[in-house]
Amino acid sequence: MLEIIRTIPIEHYVIYSSILFAIGVFGVLVRRNAIVVLMCIELMLNAVNLLLAAFSTYLSDAQGQIMVFFIMVVAAAEAAVGLGILVMIYRNTKSTDIHLLDNLRN
């Protein structure tokens, strides 16, 4: 597996990760559904994880892969907390539209 990763130039990983991150940013800025926004945030985190793992393998250093593990743990906790908050918001507003959350200030 290591030989396959080393045969692909690091620039391809950077470009692919940048595209994934840009799709995630676009989704966060454009979409109105809170579940889709959470998925786009996860997509951005996974783009960073891919880049960390690629550079870690390219430099033969395990620190990047360890950081990927910790980011995945934080992302799982973020998804659990975010979905819990979304369930409570849905119970109050009967919608997952993030633009309706301005009404919760009162």
PDB file of N, CA and C in Angstrom:
ATOM      1  N   MET A   1       0.826  -1.190   0.000  1.00  0.00           N
ATOM      2  CA  MET A   1       0.000   0.000   0.000  1.00  0.00           C
ATOM      3  C   MET A   1       0.870   1.254   0.000  1.00  0.00           C
ATOM      4  N   LEU A   2       1.955   1.213   0.740  1.00  0.00           N
ATOM      5  CA  LEU A   2       2.843   2.369   0.826  1.00  0.00           C
ATOM      6  C   LEU A   2       3.446   2.692  -0.536  1.00  0.00           C
ATOM      7  N   GLU A   3       3.716   1.665  -1.335  1.00  0.00           N
ATOM      8  CA  GLU A   3       4.298   1.896  -2.648  1.00  0.00           C
ATOM      9  C   GLU A   3       3.308   2.604  -3.572  1.00  0.00           C
ATOM     10  N   ILE A   4       2.017   2.274  -3.437  1.00  0.00           N
ATOM     11  CA  ILE A   4       0.997   2.907  -4.271  1.00  0.00           C
ATOM     12  C   ILE A   4       0.900   4.388  -3.935  1.00  0.00           C
ATOM     13  N   ILE A   5       0.909   4.710  -2.662  1.00  0.00           N
ATOM     14  CA  ILE A   5       0.798   6.111  -2.250  1.00  0.00           C
ATOM     15  C   ILE A   5       2.017   6.900  -2.702  1.00  0.00           C
ATOM     16  N   ARG A   6       3.186   6.293  -2.636  1.00  0.00           N
ATOM     17  CA  ARG A   6       4.400   7.012  -3.028  1.00  0.00           C
ATOM     18  C   ARG A   6       4.503   7.197  -4.542  1.00  0.00           C
ATOM     19  N   THR A   7       3.817   6.365  -5.333  1.00  0.00           N
ATOM     20  CA  THR A   7       3.893   6.530  -6.783  1.00  0.00           C
ATOM     21  C   THR A   7       3.022   7.678  -7.260  1.00  0.00           C
ATOM     22  N   ILE A   8       2.013   8.050  -6.488  1.00  0.00           N
ATOM     23  CA  ILE A   8       1.167   9.187  -6.844  1.00  0.00           C
ATOM     24  C   ILE A   8       1.842  10.446  -6.329  1.00  0.00           C
ATOM     25  N   PRO A   9       2.051  11.433  -7.184  1.00  0.00           N
ATOM     26  CA  PRO A   9       2.722  12.661  -6.722  1.00  0.00           C
ATOM     27  C   PRO A   9       1.910  13.376  -5.640  1.00  0.00           C
ATOM     28  N   ILE A  10       2.593  14.041  -4.737  1.00  0.00           N
ATOM     29  CA  ILE A  10       1.939  14.715  -3.615  1.00  0.00           C
ATOM     30  C   ILE A  10       1.040  15.847  -4.109  1.00  0.00           C
ATOM     31  N   GLU A  11       1.347  16.387  -5.278  1.00  0.00           N
ATOM     32  CA  GLU A  11       0.530  17.471  -5.824  1.00  0.00           C
ATOM     33  C   GLU A  11      -0.905  17.019  -6.098  1.00  0.00           C
ATOM     34  N   HIS A  12      -1.058  15.757  -6.497  1.00  0.00           N
ATOM     35  CA  HIS A  12      -2.408  15.242  -6.745  1.00  0.00           C
ATOM     36  C   HIS A  12      -3.218  15.209  -5.460  1.00  0.00           C
ATOM     37  N   TYR A  13      -2.584  14.841  -4.358  1.00  0.00           N
ATOM     38  CA  TYR A  13      -3.275  14.843  -3.073  1.00  0.00           C
ATOM     39  C   TYR A  13      -3.655  16.260  -2.660  1.00  0.00           C
ATOM     40  N   VAL A  14      -2.768  17.201  -2.904  1.00  0.00           N
ATOM     41  CA  VAL A  14      -3.049  18.599  -2.554  1.00  0.00           C
ATOM     42  C   VAL A  14      -4.214  19.129  -3.381  1.00  0.00           C
ATOM     43  N   ILE A  15      -4.226  18.837  -4.659  1.00  0.00           N
ATOM     44  CA  ILE A  15      -5.302  19.309  -5.526  1.00  0.00           C
ATOM     45  C   ILE A  15      -6.624  18.656  -5.139  1.00  0.00           C
ATOM     46  N   TYR A  16      -6.616  17.355  -4.935  1.00  0.00           N
ATOM     47  CA  TYR A  16      -7.839  16.642  -4.563  1.00  0.00           C
ATOM     48  C   TYR A  16      -8.367  17.123  -3.218  1.00  0.00           C
ATOM     49  N   SER A  17      -7.483  17.310  -2.262  1.00  0.00           N
ATOM     50  CA  SER A  17      -7.898  17.795  -0.949  1.00  0.00           C
ATOM     51  C   SER A  17      -8.436  19.222  -1.037  1.00  0.00           C
ATOM     52  N   SER A  18      -7.827  20.042  -1.866  1.00  0.00           N
ATOM     53  CA  SER A  18      -8.310  21.415  -2.039  1.00  0.00           C
ATOM     54  C   SER A  18      -9.702  21.439  -2.659  1.00  0.00           C
ATOM     55  N   ILE A  19      -9.933  20.567  -3.616  1.00  0.00           N
ATOM     56  CA  ILE A  19     -11.253  20.483  -4.246  1.00  0.00           C
ATOM     57  C   ILE A  19     -12.301  20.037  -3.228  1.00  0.00           C
ATOM     58  N   LEU A  20     -11.976  19.010  -2.435  1.00  0.00           N
ATOM     59  CA  LEU A  20     -12.911  18.555  -1.405  1.00  0.00           C
ATOM     60  C   LEU A  20     -13.204  19.657  -0.396  1.00  0.00           C
ATOM     61  N   PHE A  21     -12.166  20.369   0.019  1.00  0.00           N
ATOM     62  CA  PHE A  21     -12.354  21.445   0.984  1.00  0.00           C
ATOM     63  C   PHE A  21     -13.205  22.563   0.391  1.00  0.00           C
ATOM     64  N   ALA A  22     -12.969  22.903  -0.871  1.00  0.00           N
ATOM     65  CA  ALA A  22     -13.754  23.951  -1.524  1.00  0.00           C
ATOM     66  C   ALA A  22     -15.220  23.551  -1.659  1.00  0.00           C
ATOM     67  N   ILE A  23     -15.490  22.290  -1.958  1.00  0.00           N
ATOM     68  CA  ILE A  23     -16.867  21.810  -2.022  1.00  0.00           C
ATOM     69  C   ILE A  23     -17.525  21.935  -0.654  1.00  0.00           C
ATOM     70  N   GLY A  24     -16.784  21.591   0.390  1.00  0.00           N
ATOM     71  CA  GLY A  24     -17.317  21.726   1.744  1.00  0.00           C
ATOM     72  C   GLY A  24     -17.621  23.165   2.109  1.00  0.00           C
ATOM     73  N   VAL A  25     -16.716  24.086   1.787  1.00  0.00           N
ATOM     74  CA  VAL A  25     -16.943  25.511   2.074  1.00  0.00           C
ATOM     75  C   VAL A  25     -18.150  26.012   1.289  1.00  0.00           C
ATOM     76  N   PHE A  26     -18.235  25.635   0.035  1.00  0.00           N
ATOM     77  CA  PHE A  26     -19.367  26.041  -0.794  1.00  0.00           C
ATOM     78  C   PHE A  26     -20.681  25.531  -0.199  1.00  0.00           C
ATOM     79  N   GLY A  27     -20.682  24.286   0.259  1.00  0.00           N
ATOM     80  CA  GLY A  27     -21.889  23.721   0.855  1.00  0.00           C
ATOM     81  C   GLY A  27     -22.287  24.421   2.139  1.00  0.00           C
ATOM     82  N   VAL A  28     -21.311  24.796   2.965  1.00  0.00           N
ATOM     83  CA  VAL A  28     -21.626  25.498   4.212  1.00  0.00           C
ATOM     84  C   VAL A  28     -22.208  26.878   3.912  1.00  0.00           C
ATOM     85  N   LEU A  29     -21.661  27.545   2.908  1.00  0.00           N
ATOM     86  CA  LEU A  29     -22.108  28.901   2.616  1.00  0.00           C
ATOM     87  C   LEU A  29     -23.439  28.954   1.870  1.00  0.00           C
ATOM     88  N   VAL A  30     -23.763  27.936   1.089  1.00  0.00           N
ATOM     89  CA  VAL A  30     -24.925  28.000   0.211  1.00  0.00           C
ATOM     90  C   VAL A  30     -26.131  27.255   0.766  1.00  0.00           C
ATOM     91  N   ARG A  31     -25.918  26.109   1.336  1.00  0.00           N
ATOM     92  CA  ARG A  31     -27.042  25.260   1.735  1.00  0.00           C
ATOM     93  C   ARG A  31     -27.766  25.825   2.940  1.00  0.00           C
ATOM     94  N   ARG A  32     -29.052  25.496   3.059  1.00  0.00           N
ATOM     95  CA  ARG A  32     -29.873  25.977   4.164  1.00  0.00           C
ATOM     96  C   ARG A  32     -30.220  24.872   5.143  1.00  0.00           C
ATOM     97  N   ASN A  33     -30.093  23.629   4.728  1.00  0.00           N
ATOM     98  CA  ASN A  33     -30.426  22.501   5.586  1.00  0.00           C
ATOM     99  C   ASN A  33     -29.272  22.250   6.554  1.00  0.00           C
ATOM    100  N   ALA A  34     -29.576  22.181   7.839  1.00  0.00           N
ATOM    101  CA  ALA A  34     -28.535  22.045   8.852  1.00  0.00           C
ATOM    102  C   ALA A  34     -27.811  20.704   8.747  1.00  0.00           C
ATOM    103  N   ILE A  35     -28.504  19.667   8.341  1.00  0.00           N
ATOM    104  CA  ILE A  35     -27.862  18.356   8.207  1.00  0.00           C
ATOM    105  C   ILE A  35     -26.838  18.384   7.078  1.00  0.00           C
ATOM    106  N   VAL A  36     -27.169  19.033   5.981  1.00  0.00           N
ATOM    107  CA  VAL A  36     -26.234  19.155   4.865  1.00  0.00           C
ATOM    108  C   VAL A  36     -25.037  20.010   5.263  1.00  0.00           C
ATOM    109  N   VAL A  37     -25.274  21.053   6.064  1.00  0.00           N
ATOM    110  CA  VAL A  37     -24.176  21.893   6.540  1.00  0.00           C
ATOM    111  C   VAL A  37     -23.224  21.074   7.400  1.00  0.00           C
ATOM    112  N   LEU A  38     -23.764  20.233   8.280  1.00  0.00           N
ATOM    113  CA  LEU A  38     -22.910  19.356   9.089  1.00  0.00           C
ATOM    114  C   LEU A  38     -22.110  18.388   8.221  1.00  0.00           C
ATOM    115  N   MET A  39     -22.743  17.857   7.172  1.00  0.00           N
ATOM    116  CA  MET A  39     -22.018  16.955   6.276  1.00  0.00           C
ATOM    117  C   MET A  39     -20.907  17.691   5.538  1.00  0.00           C
ATOM    118  N   CYS A  40     -21.131  18.941   5.186  1.00  0.00           N
ATOM    119  CA  CYS A  40     -20.096  19.722   4.514  1.00  0.00           C
ATOM    120  C   CYS A  40     -18.936  20.031   5.452  1.00  0.00           C
ATOM    121  N   ILE A  41     -19.227  20.266   6.720  1.00  0.00           N
ATOM    122  CA  ILE A  41     -18.160  20.459   7.704  1.00  0.00           C
ATOM    123  C   ILE A  41     -17.339  19.185   7.834  1.00  0.00           C
ATOM    124  N   GLU A  42     -18.007  18.047   7.857  1.00  0.00           N
ATOM    125  CA  GLU A  42     -17.295  16.765   7.908  1.00  0.00           C
ATOM    126  C   GLU A  42     -16.440  16.566   6.647  1.00  0.00           C
ATOM    127  N   LEU A  43     -16.945  17.006   5.505  1.00  0.00           N
ATOM    128  CA  LEU A  43     -16.180  16.905   4.262  1.00  0.00           C
ATOM    129  C   LEU A  43     -14.913  17.746   4.332  1.00  0.00           C
ATOM    130  N   MET A  44     -15.011  18.924   4.918  1.00  0.00           N
ATOM    131  CA  MET A  44     -13.824  19.766   5.074  1.00  0.00           C
ATOM    132  C   MET A  44     -12.817  19.115   6.026  1.00  0.00           C
ATOM    133  N   LEU A  45     -13.300  18.532   7.119  1.00  0.00           N
ATOM    134  CA  LEU A  45     -12.392  17.853   8.042  1.00  0.00           C
ATOM    135  C   LEU A  45     -11.712  16.659   7.368  1.00  0.00           C
ATOM    136  N   ASN A  46     -12.455  15.922   6.543  1.00  0.00           N
ATOM    137  CA  ASN A  46     -11.865  14.782   5.854  1.00  0.00           C
ATOM    138  C   ASN A  46     -10.862  15.215   4.785  1.00  0.00           C
ATOM    139  N   ALA A  47     -11.068  16.377   4.186  1.00  0.00           N
ATOM    140  CA  ALA A  47     -10.084  16.897   3.236  1.00  0.00           C
ATOM    141  C   ALA A  47      -8.770  17.190   3.951  1.00  0.00           C
ATOM    142  N   VAL A  48      -8.863  17.769   5.127  1.00  0.00           N
ATOM    143  CA  VAL A  48      -7.661  18.031   5.925  1.00  0.00           C
ATOM    144  C   VAL A  48      -7.007  16.715   6.351  1.00  0.00           C
ATOM    145  N   ASN A  49      -7.810  15.735   6.739  1.00  0.00           N
ATOM    146  CA  ASN A  49      -7.267  14.428   7.126  1.00  0.00           C
ATOM    147  C   ASN A  49      -6.526  13.770   5.968  1.00  0.00           C
ATOM    148  N   LEU A  50      -7.095  13.843   4.776  1.00  0.00           N
ATOM    149  CA  LEU A  50      -6.440  13.261   3.612  1.00  0.00           C
ATOM    150  C   LEU A  50      -5.086  13.909   3.371  1.00  0.00           C
ATOM    151  N   LEU A  51      -5.047  15.220   3.476  1.00  0.00           N
ATOM    152  CA  LEU A  51      -3.796  15.933   3.248  1.00  0.00           C
ATOM    153  C   LEU A  51      -2.764  15.611   4.328  1.00  0.00           C
ATOM    154  N   LEU A  52      -3.205  15.534   5.574  1.00  0.00           N
ATOM    155  CA  LEU A  52      -2.287  15.170   6.656  1.00  0.00           C
ATOM    156  C   LEU A  52      -1.721  13.766   6.454  1.00  0.00           C
ATOM    157  N   ALA A  53      -2.586  12.828   6.090  1.00  0.00           N
ATOM    158  CA  ALA A  53      -2.124  11.454   5.880  1.00  0.00           C
ATOM    159  C   ALA A  53      -1.174  11.373   4.684  1.00  0.00           C
ATOM    160  N   ALA A  54      -1.467  12.114   3.629  1.00  0.00           N
ATOM    161  CA  ALA A  54      -0.598  12.085   2.447  1.00  0.00           C
ATOM    162  C   ALA A  54       0.773  12.661   2.772  1.00  0.00           C
ATOM    163  N   PHE A  55       0.824  13.807   3.445  1.00  0.00           N
ATOM    164  CA  PHE A  55       2.113  14.393   3.801  1.00  0.00           C
ATOM    165  C   PHE A  55       2.852  13.535   4.818  1.00  0.00           C
ATOM    166  N   SER A  56       2.120  12.913   5.719  1.00  0.00           N
ATOM    167  CA  SER A  56       2.752  12.038   6.695  1.00  0.00           C
ATOM    168  C   SER A  56       3.425  10.850   6.012  1.00  0.00           C
ATOM    169  N   THR A  57       2.754  10.277   5.034  1.00  0.00           N
ATOM    170  CA  THR A  57       3.337   9.163   4.303  1.00  0.00           C
ATOM    171  C   THR A  57       4.491   9.632   3.417  1.00  0.00           C
ATOM    172  N   TYR A  58       4.312  10.788   2.801  1.00  0.00           N
ATOM    173  CA  TYR A  58       5.345  11.335   1.919  1.00  0.00           C
ATOM    174  C   TYR A  58       6.626  11.633   2.687  1.00  0.00           C
ATOM    175  N   LEU A  59       6.491  12.133   3.912  1.00  0.00           N
ATOM    176  CA  LEU A  59       7.656  12.480   4.726  1.00  0.00           C
ATOM    177  C   LEU A  59       8.115  11.350   5.642  1.00  0.00           C
ATOM    178  N   SER A  60       7.431  10.209   5.590  1.00  0.00           N
ATOM    179  CA  SER A  60       7.735   9.044   6.433  1.00  0.00           C
ATOM    180  C   SER A  60       7.747   9.413   7.921  1.00  0.00           C
ATOM    181  N   ASP A  61       6.723  10.148   8.323  1.00  0.00           N
ATOM    182  CA  ASP A  61       6.592  10.584   9.703  1.00  0.00           C
ATOM    183  C   ASP A  61       5.191  10.209  10.185  1.00  0.00           C
ATOM    184  N   ALA A  62       5.102   9.556  11.322  1.00  0.00           N
ATOM    185  CA  ALA A  62       3.819   9.067  11.822  1.00  0.00           C
ATOM    186  C   ALA A  62       3.012  10.131  12.555  1.00  0.00           C
ATOM    187  N   GLN A  63       3.568  11.286  12.798  1.00  0.00           N
ATOM    188  CA  GLN A  63       2.852  12.306  13.561  1.00  0.00           C
ATOM    189  C   GLN A  63       1.594  12.793  12.840  1.00  0.00           C
ATOM    190  N   GLY A  64       1.643  12.890  11.536  1.00  0.00           N
ATOM    191  CA  GLY A  64       0.473  13.301  10.777  1.00  0.00           C
ATOM    192  C   GLY A  64      -0.658  12.292  10.867  1.00  0.00           C
ATOM    193  N   GLN A  65      -0.312  11.007  10.854  1.00  0.00           N
ATOM    194  CA  GLN A  65      -1.328   9.974  10.962  1.00  0.00           C
ATOM    195  C   GLN A  65      -1.933   9.934  12.359  1.00  0.00           C
ATOM    196  N   ILE A  66      -1.137  10.231  13.363  1.00  0.00           N
ATOM    197  CA  ILE A  66      -1.667  10.317  14.725  1.00  0.00           C
ATOM    198  C   ILE A  66      -2.614  11.502  14.828  1.00  0.00           C
ATOM    199  N   MET A  67      -2.271  12.620  14.200  1.00  0.00           N
ATOM    200  CA  MET A  67      -3.144  13.785  14.200  1.00  0.00           C
ATOM    201  C   MET A  67      -4.459  13.483  13.483  1.00  0.00           C
ATOM    202  N   VAL A  68      -4.401  12.695  12.417  1.00  0.00           N
ATOM    203  CA  VAL A  68      -5.616  12.288  11.705  1.00  0.00           C
ATOM    204  C   VAL A  68      -6.537  11.518  12.640  1.00  0.00           C
ATOM    205  N   PHE A  69      -5.976  10.638  13.443  1.00  0.00           N
ATOM    206  CA  PHE A  69      -6.777   9.876  14.386  1.00  0.00           C
ATOM    207  C   PHE A  69      -7.488  10.804  15.367  1.00  0.00           C
ATOM    208  N   PHE A  70      -6.798  11.786  15.901  1.00  0.00           N
ATOM    209  CA  PHE A  70      -7.407  12.700  16.859  1.00  0.00           C
ATOM    210  C   PHE A  70      -8.461  13.581  16.194  1.00  0.00           C
ATOM    211  N   ILE A  71      -8.215  13.996  14.959  1.00  0.00           N
ATOM    212  CA  ILE A  71      -9.210  14.794  14.241  1.00  0.00           C
ATOM    213  C   ILE A  71     -10.468  13.971  13.989  1.00  0.00           C
ATOM    214  N   MET A  72     -10.304  12.683  13.690  1.00  0.00           N
ATOM    215  CA  MET A  72     -11.474  11.824  13.481  1.00  0.00           C
ATOM    216  C   MET A  72     -12.284  11.668  14.767  1.00  0.00           C
ATOM    217  N   VAL A  73     -11.612  11.590  15.905  1.00  0.00           N
ATOM    218  CA  VAL A  73     -12.313  11.495  17.187  1.00  0.00           C
ATOM    219  C   VAL A  73     -13.092  12.776  17.457  1.00  0.00           C
ATOM    220  N   VAL A  74     -12.461  13.921  17.216  1.00  0.00           N
ATOM    221  CA  VAL A  74     -13.141  15.204  17.420  1.00  0.00           C
ATOM    222  C   VAL A  74     -14.305  15.352  16.443  1.00  0.00           C
ATOM    223  N   ALA A  75     -14.126  14.898  15.210  1.00  0.00           N
ATOM    224  CA  ALA A  75     -15.201  14.987  14.213  1.00  0.00           C
ATOM    225  C   ALA A  75     -16.389  14.116  14.611  1.00  0.00           C
ATOM    226  N   ALA A  76     -16.127  12.950  15.168  1.00  0.00           N
ATOM    227  CA  ALA A  76     -17.217  12.081  15.620  1.00  0.00           C
ATOM    228  C   ALA A  76     -17.971  12.728  16.780  1.00  0.00           C
ATOM    229  N   ALA A  77     -17.238  13.334  17.709  1.00  0.00           N
ATOM    230  CA  ALA A  77     -17.888  14.022  18.825  1.00  0.00           C
ATOM    231  C   ALA A  77     -18.681  15.227  18.327  1.00  0.00           C
ATOM    232  N   GLU A  78     -18.127  15.950  17.366  1.00  0.00           N
ATOM    233  CA  GLU A  78     -18.821  17.101  16.793  1.00  0.00           C
ATOM    234  C   GLU A  78     -20.101  16.671  16.098  1.00  0.00           C
ATOM    235  N   ALA A  79     -20.059  15.572  15.392  1.00  0.00           N
ATOM    236  CA  ALA A  79     -21.253  15.081  14.703  1.00  0.00           C
ATOM    237  C   ALA A  79     -22.313  14.647  15.713  1.00  0.00           C
ATOM    238  N   ALA A  80     -21.906  14.001  16.781  1.00  0.00           N
ATOM    239  CA  ALA A  80     -22.869  13.559  17.793  1.00  0.00           C
ATOM    240  C   ALA A  80     -23.530  14.752  18.481  1.00  0.00           C
ATOM    241  N   VAL A  81     -22.736  15.723  18.871  1.00  0.00           N
ATOM    242  CA  VAL A  81     -23.289  16.909  19.525  1.00  0.00           C
ATOM    243  C   VAL A  81     -24.141  17.711  18.550  1.00  0.00           C
ATOM    244  N   GLY A  82     -23.654  17.867  17.320  1.00  0.00           N
ATOM    245  CA  GLY A  82     -24.411  18.607  16.318  1.00  0.00           C
ATOM    246  C   GLY A  82     -25.750  17.963  16.002  1.00  0.00           C
ATOM    247  N   LEU A  83     -25.773  16.653  15.872  1.00  0.00           N
ATOM    248  CA  LEU A  83     -27.042  15.975  15.597  1.00  0.00           C
ATOM    249  C   LEU A  83     -27.978  16.050  16.791  1.00  0.00           C
ATOM    250  N   GLY A  84     -27.434  16.008  17.998  1.00  0.00           N
ATOM    251  CA  GLY A  84     -28.268  16.180  19.189  1.00  0.00           C
ATOM    252  C   GLY A  84     -28.909  17.557  19.230  1.00  0.00           C
ATOM    253  N   ILE A  85     -28.134  18.578  18.909  1.00  0.00           N
ATOM    254  CA  ILE A  85     -28.676  19.938  18.856  1.00  0.00           C
ATOM    255  C   ILE A  85     -29.720  20.041  17.749  1.00  0.00           C
ATOM    256  N   LEU A  86     -29.457  19.407  16.616  1.00  0.00           N
ATOM    257  CA  LEU A  86     -30.427  19.450  15.510  1.00  0.00           C
ATOM    258  C   LEU A  86     -31.749  18.784  15.868  1.00  0.00           C
ATOM    259  N   VAL A  87     -31.696  17.712  16.635  1.00  0.00           N
ATOM    260  CA  VAL A  87     -32.932  17.049  17.065  1.00  0.00           C
ATOM    261  C   VAL A  87     -33.748  17.995  17.939  1.00  0.00           C
ATOM    262  N   MET A  88     -33.079  18.701  18.845  1.00  0.00           N
ATOM    263  CA  MET A  88     -33.795  19.649  19.705  1.00  0.00           C
ATOM    264  C   MET A  88     -34.348  20.825  18.896  1.00  0.00           C
ATOM    265  N   ILE A  89     -33.595  21.303  17.918  1.00  0.00           N
ATOM    266  CA  ILE A  89     -34.087  22.394  17.073  1.00  0.00           C
ATOM    267  C   ILE A  89     -35.283  21.932  16.252  1.00  0.00           C
ATOM    268  N   TYR A  90     -35.210  20.709  15.734  1.00  0.00           N
ATOM    269  CA  TYR A  90     -36.322  20.188  14.940  1.00  0.00           C
ATOM    270  C   TYR A  90     -37.575  20.033  15.793  1.00  0.00           C
ATOM    271  N   ARG A  91     -37.404  19.635  17.045  1.00  0.00           N
ATOM    272  CA  ARG A  91     -38.571  19.513  17.939  1.00  0.00           C
ATOM    273  C   ARG A  91     -39.233  20.862  18.184  1.00  0.00           C
ATOM    274  N   ASN A  92     -38.445  21.935  18.225  1.00  0.00           N
ATOM    275  CA  ASN A  92     -39.001  23.264  18.490  1.00  0.00           C
ATOM    276  C   ASN A  92     -39.562  23.933  17.247  1.00  0.00           C
ATOM    277  N   THR A  93     -38.879  23.792  16.106  1.00  0.00           N
ATOM    278  CA  THR A  93     -39.279  24.534  14.906  1.00  0.00           C
ATOM    279  C   THR A  93     -39.921  23.672  13.830  1.00  0.00           C
ATOM    280  N   LYS A  94     -39.846  22.363  13.941  1.00  0.00           N
ATOM    281  CA  LYS A  94     -40.345  21.427  12.921  1.00  0.00           C
ATOM    282  C   LYS A  94     -39.684  21.647  11.567  1.00  0.00           C
ATOM    283  N   SER A  95     -38.423  22.126  11.591  1.00  0.00           N
ATOM    284  CA  SER A  95     -37.673  22.352  10.365  1.00  0.00           C
ATOM    285  C   SER A  95     -36.187  22.268  10.679  1.00  0.00           C
ATOM    286  N   THR A  96     -35.396  21.946   9.656  1.00  0.00           N
ATOM    287  CA  THR A  96     -33.941  21.955   9.809  1.00  0.00           C
ATOM    288  C   THR A  96     -33.311  23.098   9.035  1.00  0.00           C
ATOM    289  N   ASP A  97     -34.111  24.096   8.685  1.00  0.00           N
ATOM    290  CA  ASP A  97     -33.615  25.263   7.958  1.00  0.00           C
ATOM    291  C   ASP A  97     -32.832  26.151   8.923  1.00  0.00           C
ATOM    292  N   ILE A  98     -31.581  26.446   8.575  1.00  0.00           N
ATOM    293  CA  ILE A  98     -30.745  27.205   9.497  1.00  0.00           C
ATOM    294  C   ILE A  98     -31.141  28.675   9.550  1.00  0.00           C
ATOM    295  N   HIS A  99     -31.875  29.167   8.578  1.00  0.00           N
ATOM    296  CA  HIS A  99     -32.299  30.565   8.596  1.00  0.00           C
ATOM    297  C   HIS A  99     -33.456  30.791   9.567  1.00  0.00           C
ATOM    298  N   LEU A 100     -34.111  29.740   9.995  1.00  0.00           N
ATOM    299  CA  LEU A 100     -35.173  29.870  10.991  1.00  0.00           C
ATOM    300  C   LEU A 100     -34.617  29.951  12.413  1.00  0.00           C
ATOM    301  N   LEU A 101     -33.326  29.762  12.564  1.00  0.00           N
ATOM    302  CA  LEU A 101     -32.741  29.771  13.907  1.00  0.00           C
ATOM    303  C   LEU A 101     -32.643  31.180  14.495  1.00  0.00           C
ATOM    304  N   ASP A 102     -32.824  32.208  13.683  1.00  0.00           N
ATOM    305  CA  ASP A 102     -32.857  33.570  14.203  1.00  0.00           C
ATOM    306  C   ASP A 102     -34.049  33.775  15.151  1.00  0.00           C
ATOM    307  N   ASN A 103     -35.097  33.005  14.963  1.00  0.00           N
ATOM    308  CA  ASN A 103     -36.286  33.116  15.826  1.00  0.00           C
ATOM    309  C   ASN A 103     -36.031  32.571  17.228  1.00  0.00           C
ATOM    310  N   LEU A 104     -34.985  31.797  17.432  1.00  0.00           N
ATOM    311  CA  LEU A 104     -34.715  31.202  18.736  1.00  0.00           C
ATOM    312  C   LEU A 104     -34.056  32.190  19.694  1.00  0.00           C
ATOM    313  N   ARG A 105     -33.680  33.370  19.231  1.00  0.00           N
ATOM    314  CA  ARG A 105     -33.025  34.346  20.096  1.00  0.00           C
ATOM    315  C   ARG A 105     -33.978  34.888  21.142  1.00  0.00           C
ATOM    316  N   ASN A 106     -35.239  34.989  20.837  1.00  0.00           N
ATOM    317  CA  ASN A 106     -36.208  35.598  21.767  1.00  0.00           C
ATOM    318  C   ASN A 106     -36.529  34.714  22.915  1.00  0.00           C
TER     319      ASN A 106
END
